[in-house]
Protein backbone atom coordinates (compact mmCIF):
# COMPACT_ATOMS: atom_id res chain seq x y z
CA MET A 1 37.67 40.21 100.50
CA ALA A 2 39.55 39.74 103.71
CA ILE A 3 36.97 38.04 105.90
CA TYR A 4 35.99 35.45 103.33
CA ARG A 5 39.60 34.27 103.01
CA MET A 6 39.97 34.14 106.79
CA LEU A 7 36.71 32.27 107.32
CA ARG A 8 37.88 29.43 105.07
CA THR A 9 40.40 28.43 107.73
CA ALA A 10 38.37 29.43 110.79
CA SER A 11 36.55 26.84 112.84
CA PHE A 12 33.09 28.40 112.93
CA SER A 13 29.84 26.87 111.77
CA PRO A 14 28.32 28.00 108.47
CA GLU A 15 25.67 29.95 110.42
CA VAL A 16 28.32 31.82 112.42
CA ASN A 17 30.28 32.48 109.23
CA GLU A 18 27.18 34.18 107.83
CA GLN A 19 26.89 36.37 110.93
CA LEU A 20 30.56 37.33 110.72
CA ALA A 21 30.29 38.10 107.02
CA ALA A 22 27.24 40.30 107.69
CA ALA A 23 29.14 42.19 110.40
CA TYR A 24 32.08 42.63 108.02
CA GLU A 25 29.88 43.94 105.21
CA ASP A 26 28.18 46.36 107.60
CA ALA A 27 31.53 47.62 108.91
CA VAL A 28 32.98 48.09 105.43
CA ARG A 29 29.82 49.91 104.34
CA ALA A 30 29.77 52.05 107.49
CA LEU A 31 33.36 53.14 106.89
CA ARG A 32 32.67 53.72 103.19
CA LEU A 33 35.50 51.46 102.07
CA ALA A 34 34.85 50.88 98.40
CA ASN A 35 38.26 49.30 97.79
CA ARG A 36 38.07 45.81 99.30
CA ALA A 37 41.86 45.51 98.89
CA ASP A 38 42.33 48.36 101.38
CA PRO A 39 44.43 47.09 104.33
CA VAL A 40 41.80 48.46 106.71
CA THR A 41 39.43 45.72 105.54
CA THR A 42 41.89 43.13 106.87
CA ILE A 43 41.98 44.89 110.23
CA ILE A 44 38.18 44.89 110.31
CA ALA A 45 38.01 41.19 109.44
CA ARG A 46 40.58 40.27 112.07
CA ARG A 47 38.74 42.26 114.75
CA ILE A 48 35.45 40.57 113.90
CA ILE A 49 36.98 37.11 114.01
CA ASP A 50 38.80 37.86 117.26
CA ALA A 51 35.56 39.05 118.85
CA ALA A 52 33.76 35.95 117.59
CA LYS A 53 36.42 33.77 119.22
CA THR A 54 35.35 35.25 122.56
CA GLY A 55 31.78 34.17 121.91
CA GLU A 56 30.22 37.30 120.43
CA ARG A 57 27.75 36.47 117.66
CA ASP A 58 25.57 39.56 117.24
CA PRO A 59 26.46 41.14 113.87
CA ALA A 60 25.67 44.67 115.10
CA ARG A 61 27.97 44.33 118.11
CA LEU A 62 30.67 42.66 115.99
CA CYS A 63 30.44 45.55 113.53
CA ALA A 64 30.69 48.14 116.31
CA LEU A 65 33.71 46.40 117.82
CA ALA A 66 35.41 46.20 114.45
CA ILE A 67 35.12 49.89 113.67
CA LYS A 68 35.79 51.13 117.19
CA ASP A 69 38.73 53.55 117.13
CA LEU A 70 39.04 53.32 113.32
CA SER A 71 36.57 56.12 112.73
CA ALA A 72 38.84 58.50 114.66
CA SER A 73 41.60 58.13 112.07
CA LYS A 74 41.69 59.47 108.51
CA LEU A 75 38.57 57.58 107.53
CA PRO A 76 35.30 59.39 106.82
CA PRO A 77 32.70 59.34 109.58
CA PRO A 78 30.97 55.95 109.76
CA LEU A 79 27.49 55.42 108.41
CA PRO A 80 24.96 53.75 110.70
CA ALA A 81 25.03 49.94 110.53
CA ARG A 82 22.35 48.22 108.53
CA ARG A 83 19.34 47.29 110.61
CA PRO A 84 18.25 43.63 110.64
CA GLU A 85 15.28 43.00 108.42
């Protein structure tokens, strides 16, 4: 899973890593990507980490940023992001 490999070398706190992982899982679920080896998952992970480097921490916003423009390609329409419990 792309984001988990990337987070091992990133310089975020464990709490931020959890937020980024949640955003990644929501984005992958929203785009219905069952194959975690799909190259799109790497793009999603990179977008989430890049957004986090600018200071964004909200998983819903990170998810939205990650899937922006991807849903217009060959991918199926995105599902709504998971709501915080």
